[in-house]
Amino acid sequence: MAKEIASSVEALEVEAEKILEEARTSANKILLEAKEESRKMLSSPLPLDAIKTECDRIVSKARAEADEKIKDSEKKAAEMGSNADRRVKEIADRAVNIVTGTS
């Protein structure tokens, strides 16, 4: 019986060794394929057309937003200028009234 157990253990060890060797072989094959694929990727040209198109789209969008902000700023500046002119006139009229004593 001990001989049978020893024989079974040896058979299991041989089978385990065989499985480990197959796993190593498979892992090495996968690594070689990955290295080859990475070499191909590194040597292939970058798709600059797609990048340029995306860049142009982003720049165009940024310019449109900047133009909109400039328009808003100019509108606010014009409103502030007209309000300032009105306020200066009101203050000048009040100063004249105070000096002349009319109100």
N, C-alpha and C. Protein backbone atom coordinates (compact mmCIF):
# COMPACT_ATOMS: atom_id res chain seq x y z
N MET A 1 0.80 -1.18 0.00
CA MET A 1 0.00 0.00 0.00
C MET A 1 0.85 1.26 0.00
N ALA A 2 1.94 1.25 0.76
CA ALA A 2 2.83 2.40 0.80
C ALA A 2 3.46 2.61 -0.56
N LYS A 3 3.75 1.49 -1.24
CA LYS A 3 4.33 1.59 -2.59
C LYS A 3 3.35 2.24 -3.55
N GLU A 4 2.07 1.89 -3.41
CA GLU A 4 1.05 2.47 -4.27
C GLU A 4 0.91 3.97 -4.03
N ILE A 5 0.95 4.39 -2.76
CA ILE A 5 0.85 5.82 -2.42
C ILE A 5 2.06 6.56 -2.97
N ALA A 6 3.25 5.97 -2.78
CA ALA A 6 4.46 6.61 -3.29
C ALA A 6 4.40 6.72 -4.80
N SER A 7 3.91 5.68 -5.44
CA SER A 7 3.79 5.69 -6.89
C SER A 7 2.79 6.76 -7.34
N SER A 8 1.69 6.86 -6.62
CA SER A 8 0.68 7.88 -6.94
C SER A 8 1.24 9.28 -6.75
N VAL A 9 2.00 9.48 -5.68
CA VAL A 9 2.61 10.79 -5.41
C VAL A 9 3.60 11.13 -6.51
N GLU A 10 4.40 10.15 -6.92
CA GLU A 10 5.36 10.38 -8.00
C GLU A 10 4.65 10.72 -9.30
N ALA A 11 3.55 10.03 -9.57
CA ALA A 11 2.77 10.31 -10.78
C ALA A 11 2.20 11.72 -10.73
N LEU A 12 1.72 12.11 -9.55
CA LEU A 12 1.19 13.47 -9.38
C LEU A 12 2.30 14.51 -9.57
N GLU A 13 3.48 14.21 -9.04
CA GLU A 13 4.60 15.14 -9.20
C GLU A 13 4.99 15.29 -10.66
N VAL A 14 5.02 14.17 -11.37
CA VAL A 14 5.35 14.21 -12.79
C VAL A 14 4.30 15.03 -13.55
N GLU A 15 3.03 14.79 -13.23
CA GLU A 15 1.93 15.52 -13.90
C GLU A 15 2.01 17.02 -13.57
N ALA A 16 2.30 17.34 -12.31
CA ALA A 16 2.42 18.74 -11.91
C ALA A 16 3.59 19.40 -12.63
N GLU A 17 4.70 18.69 -12.74
CA GLU A 17 5.87 19.21 -13.44
C GLU A 17 5.53 19.47 -14.91
N LYS A 18 4.79 18.55 -15.51
CA LYS A 18 4.38 18.69 -16.90
C LYS A 18 3.48 19.93 -17.07
N ILE A 19 2.53 20.10 -16.16
CA ILE A 19 1.62 21.26 -16.21
C ILE A 19 2.40 22.56 -16.04
N LEU A 20 3.35 22.57 -15.10
CA LEU A 20 4.17 23.77 -14.88
C LEU A 20 4.98 24.12 -16.13
N GLU A 21 5.54 23.11 -16.76
CA GLU A 21 6.34 23.35 -17.98
C GLU A 21 5.46 23.90 -19.10
N GLU A 22 4.25 23.35 -19.23
CA GLU A 22 3.32 23.88 -20.24
C GLU A 22 2.95 25.33 -19.93
N ALA A 23 2.75 25.64 -18.66
CA ALA A 23 2.41 27.01 -18.26
C ALA A 23 3.56 27.96 -18.57
N ARG A 24 4.80 27.52 -18.29
CA ARG A 24 5.97 28.35 -18.60
C ARG A 24 6.07 28.61 -20.10
N THR A 25 5.89 27.54 -20.87
CA THR A 25 5.95 27.67 -22.33
C THR A 25 4.88 28.63 -22.83
N SER A 26 3.68 28.48 -22.31
CA SER A 26 2.58 29.36 -22.70
C SER A 26 2.85 30.81 -22.31
N ALA A 27 3.37 31.02 -21.10
CA ALA A 27 3.69 32.37 -20.63
C ALA A 27 4.77 33.01 -21.49
N ASN A 28 5.80 32.22 -21.83
CA ASN A 28 6.87 32.75 -22.69
C ASN A 28 6.34 33.12 -24.07
N LYS A 29 5.45 32.29 -24.60
CA LYS A 29 4.85 32.58 -25.90
C LYS A 29 4.04 33.88 -25.85
N ILE A 30 3.27 34.04 -24.80
CA ILE A 30 2.47 35.26 -24.63
C ILE A 30 3.38 36.48 -24.52
N LEU A 31 4.46 36.37 -23.76
CA LEU A 31 5.41 37.48 -23.62
C LEU A 31 6.04 37.85 -24.95
N LEU A 32 6.43 36.83 -25.72
CA LEU A 32 7.02 37.10 -27.04
C LEU A 32 6.03 37.80 -27.96
N GLU A 33 4.78 37.33 -27.94
CA GLU A 33 3.75 37.97 -28.77
C GLU A 33 3.51 39.41 -28.32
N ALA A 34 3.49 39.65 -27.03
CA ALA A 34 3.28 41.00 -26.51
C ALA A 34 4.44 41.92 -26.91
N LYS A 35 5.67 41.41 -26.82
CA LYS A 35 6.83 42.21 -27.23
C LYS A 35 6.76 42.56 -28.71
N GLU A 36 6.39 41.58 -29.52
CA GLU A 36 6.27 41.82 -30.97
C GLU A 36 5.19 42.85 -31.25
N GLU A 37 4.07 42.72 -30.58
CA GLU A 37 2.98 43.68 -30.78
C GLU A 37 3.40 45.09 -30.35
N SER A 38 4.11 45.19 -29.23
CA SER A 38 4.56 46.51 -28.79
C SER A 38 5.58 47.09 -29.76
N ARG A 39 6.45 46.25 -30.33
CA ARG A 39 7.39 46.73 -31.36
C ARG A 39 6.64 47.28 -32.56
N LYS A 40 5.60 46.55 -32.98
CA LYS A 40 4.80 47.01 -34.12
C LYS A 40 4.12 48.34 -33.81
N MET A 41 3.59 48.45 -32.60
CA MET A 41 2.89 49.69 -32.23
C MET A 41 3.86 50.86 -32.17
N LEU A 42 5.05 50.62 -31.64
CA LEU A 42 6.03 51.70 -31.54
C LEU A 42 6.56 52.13 -32.90
N SER A 43 6.63 51.20 -33.83
CA SER A 43 7.18 51.54 -35.14
C SER A 43 6.12 52.11 -36.09
N SER A 44 4.85 51.94 -35.77
CA SER A 44 3.81 52.44 -36.67
C SER A 44 3.64 53.95 -36.47
N PRO A 45 3.31 54.67 -37.54
CA PRO A 45 3.14 56.12 -37.43
C PRO A 45 1.90 56.47 -36.61
N LEU A 46 1.98 57.59 -35.93
CA LEU A 46 0.85 58.04 -35.13
C LEU A 46 -0.24 58.60 -36.05
N PRO A 47 -1.48 58.44 -35.69
CA PRO A 47 -2.58 58.96 -36.51
C PRO A 47 -2.73 60.47 -36.30
N LEU A 48 -1.82 61.23 -36.87
CA LEU A 48 -1.80 62.67 -36.64
C LEU A 48 -3.00 63.39 -37.24
N ASP A 49 -3.58 62.84 -38.28
CA ASP A 49 -4.74 63.49 -38.87
C ASP A 49 -5.89 63.59 -37.87
N ALA A 50 -6.14 62.52 -37.16
CA ALA A 50 -7.21 62.52 -36.16
C ALA A 50 -6.88 63.48 -35.03
N ILE A 51 -5.63 63.50 -34.63
CA ILE A 51 -5.22 64.40 -33.55
C ILE A 51 -5.34 65.85 -34.00
N LYS A 52 -4.91 66.15 -35.22
CA LYS A 52 -5.00 67.51 -35.75
C LYS A 52 -6.45 67.96 -35.83
N THR A 53 -7.33 67.07 -36.29
CA THR A 53 -8.75 67.40 -36.38
C THR A 53 -9.32 67.73 -35.01
N GLU A 54 -8.99 66.90 -34.03
CA GLU A 54 -9.47 67.14 -32.66
C GLU A 54 -8.90 68.44 -32.11
N CYS A 55 -7.64 68.70 -32.37
CA CYS A 55 -7.01 69.94 -31.92
C CYS A 55 -7.70 71.15 -32.53
N ASP A 56 -7.95 71.09 -33.84
CA ASP A 56 -8.64 72.19 -34.52
C ASP A 56 -10.04 72.41 -33.95
N ARG A 57 -10.72 71.33 -33.63
CA ARG A 57 -12.06 71.44 -33.05
C ARG A 57 -12.01 72.12 -31.68
N ILE A 58 -11.04 71.74 -30.88
CA ILE A 58 -10.89 72.33 -29.55
C ILE A 58 -10.55 73.82 -29.66
N VAL A 59 -9.63 74.16 -30.56
CA VAL A 59 -9.24 75.56 -30.74
C VAL A 59 -10.43 76.38 -31.24
N SER A 60 -11.19 75.83 -32.17
CA SER A 60 -12.36 76.53 -32.71
C SER A 60 -13.38 76.79 -31.60
N LYS A 61 -13.61 75.79 -30.78
CA LYS A 61 -14.57 75.94 -29.68
C LYS A 61 -14.07 77.00 -28.69
N ALA A 62 -12.78 76.98 -28.39
CA ALA A 62 -12.20 77.95 -27.46
C ALA A 62 -12.32 79.37 -28.03
N ARG A 63 -12.08 79.53 -29.33
CA ARG A 63 -12.21 80.85 -29.95
C ARG A 63 -13.64 81.35 -29.89
N ALA A 64 -14.59 80.46 -30.15
CA ALA A 64 -16.01 80.84 -30.09
C ALA A 64 -16.38 81.29 -28.68
N GLU A 65 -15.92 80.55 -27.68
CA GLU A 65 -16.20 80.93 -26.29
C GLU A 65 -15.54 82.26 -25.95
N ALA A 66 -14.31 82.46 -26.42
CA ALA A 66 -13.61 83.72 -26.15
C ALA A 66 -14.33 84.89 -26.82
N ASP A 67 -14.77 84.69 -28.06
CA ASP A 67 -15.51 85.75 -28.76
C ASP A 67 -16.79 86.10 -28.01
N GLU A 68 -17.48 85.10 -27.51
CA GLU A 68 -18.72 85.33 -26.76
C GLU A 68 -18.43 86.11 -25.48
N LYS A 69 -17.36 85.75 -24.79
CA LYS A 69 -17.00 86.46 -23.56
C LYS A 69 -16.59 87.89 -23.86
N ILE A 70 -15.91 88.10 -24.98
CA ILE A 70 -15.52 89.47 -25.36
C ILE A 70 -16.77 90.31 -25.63
N LYS A 71 -17.74 89.74 -26.35
CA LYS A 71 -18.99 90.46 -26.63
C LYS A 71 -19.71 90.82 -25.33
N ASP A 72 -19.78 89.85 -24.42
CA ASP A 72 -20.43 90.11 -23.12
C ASP A 72 -19.70 91.22 -22.36
N SER A 73 -18.38 91.17 -22.38
CA SER A 73 -17.59 92.19 -21.67
C SER A 73 -17.78 93.56 -22.30
N GLU A 74 -17.80 93.62 -23.63
CA GLU A 74 -18.01 94.91 -24.29
C GLU A 74 -19.39 95.46 -23.96
N LYS A 75 -20.40 94.59 -23.92
CA LYS A 75 -21.75 95.02 -23.58
C LYS A 75 -21.80 95.57 -22.15
N LYS A 76 -21.18 94.86 -21.21
CA LYS A 76 -21.15 95.32 -19.82
C LYS A 76 -20.39 96.63 -19.69
N ALA A 77 -19.29 96.75 -20.42
CA ALA A 77 -18.51 98.00 -20.38
C ALA A 77 -19.33 99.16 -20.92
N ALA A 78 -20.08 98.95 -21.99
CA ALA A 78 -20.92 100.00 -22.55
C ALA A 78 -22.01 100.41 -21.55
N GLU A 79 -22.63 99.40 -20.90
CA GLU A 79 -23.65 99.70 -19.88
C GLU A 79 -23.05 100.50 -18.73
N MET A 80 -21.87 100.09 -18.29
CA MET A 80 -21.21 100.79 -17.19
C MET A 80 -20.86 102.23 -17.61
N GLY A 81 -20.42 102.39 -18.84
CA GLY A 81 -20.08 103.73 -19.34
C GLY A 81 -21.30 104.63 -19.38
N SER A 82 -22.43 104.12 -19.88
CA SER A 82 -23.64 104.94 -19.94
C SER A 82 -24.15 105.25 -18.54
N ASN A 83 -24.05 104.28 -17.62
CA ASN A 83 -24.45 104.53 -16.24
C ASN A 83 -23.54 105.57 -15.60
N ALA A 84 -22.26 105.50 -15.89
CA ALA A 84 -21.31 106.47 -15.32
C ALA A 84 -21.61 107.87 -15.86
N ASP A 85 -21.88 107.99 -17.17
CA ASP A 85 -22.22 109.30 -17.74
C ASP A 85 -23.47 109.87 -17.08
N ARG A 86 -24.47 109.05 -16.88
CA ARG A 86 -25.72 109.49 -16.25
C ARG A 86 -25.46 109.94 -14.81
N ARG A 87 -24.67 109.13 -14.08
CA ARG A 87 -24.37 109.47 -12.67
C ARG A 87 -23.56 110.77 -12.57
N VAL A 88 -22.59 110.96 -13.50
CA VAL A 88 -21.79 112.19 -13.49
C VAL A 88 -22.71 113.40 -13.73
N LYS A 89 -23.62 113.25 -14.68
CA LYS A 89 -24.56 114.35 -14.97
C LYS A 89 -25.41 114.64 -13.75
N GLU A 90 -25.93 113.61 -13.08
CA GLU A 90 -26.75 113.80 -11.88
C GLU A 90 -25.96 114.52 -10.79
N ILE A 91 -24.72 114.10 -10.59
CA ILE A 91 -23.88 114.72 -9.55
C ILE A 91 -23.57 116.16 -9.91
N ALA A 92 -23.27 116.41 -11.18
CA ALA A 92 -22.97 117.78 -11.61
C ALA A 92 -24.20 118.66 -11.44
N ASP A 93 -25.38 118.16 -11.80
CA ASP A 93 -26.61 118.94 -11.62
C ASP A 93 -26.87 119.22 -10.15
N ARG A 94 -26.65 118.24 -9.29
CA ARG A 94 -26.84 118.44 -7.86
C ARG A 94 -25.86 119.47 -7.32
N ALA A 95 -24.58 119.41 -7.79
CA ALA A 95 -23.57 120.38 -7.34
C ALA A 95 -23.97 121.79 -7.78
N VAL A 96 -24.46 121.93 -9.00
CA VAL A 96 -24.89 123.24 -9.50
C VAL A 96 -26.06 123.74 -8.66
N ASN A 97 -26.99 122.88 -8.35
CA ASN A 97 -28.15 123.25 -7.54
C ASN A 97 -27.74 123.69 -6.14
N ILE A 98 -26.76 122.97 -5.58
CA ILE A 98 -26.27 123.34 -4.25
C ILE A 98 -25.60 124.71 -4.29
N VAL A 99 -24.76 124.91 -5.30
CA VAL A 99 -24.03 126.17 -5.40
C VAL A 99 -25.01 127.33 -5.68
N THR A 100 -25.96 127.09 -6.53
CA THR A 100 -26.91 128.16 -6.86
C THR A 100 -28.02 128.27 -5.84
N GLY A 101 -28.16 127.29 -5.01
CA GLY A 101 -29.17 127.29 -3.95
C GLY A 101 -30.58 127.01 -4.46
N THR A 102 -30.71 126.31 -5.54
CA THR A 102 -32.04 126.03 -6.07
C THR A 102 -32.64 124.74 -5.52
N SER A 103 -31.92 123.95 -4.83
CA SER A 103 -32.55 122.78 -4.25
C SER A 103 -31.64 122.05 -3.35
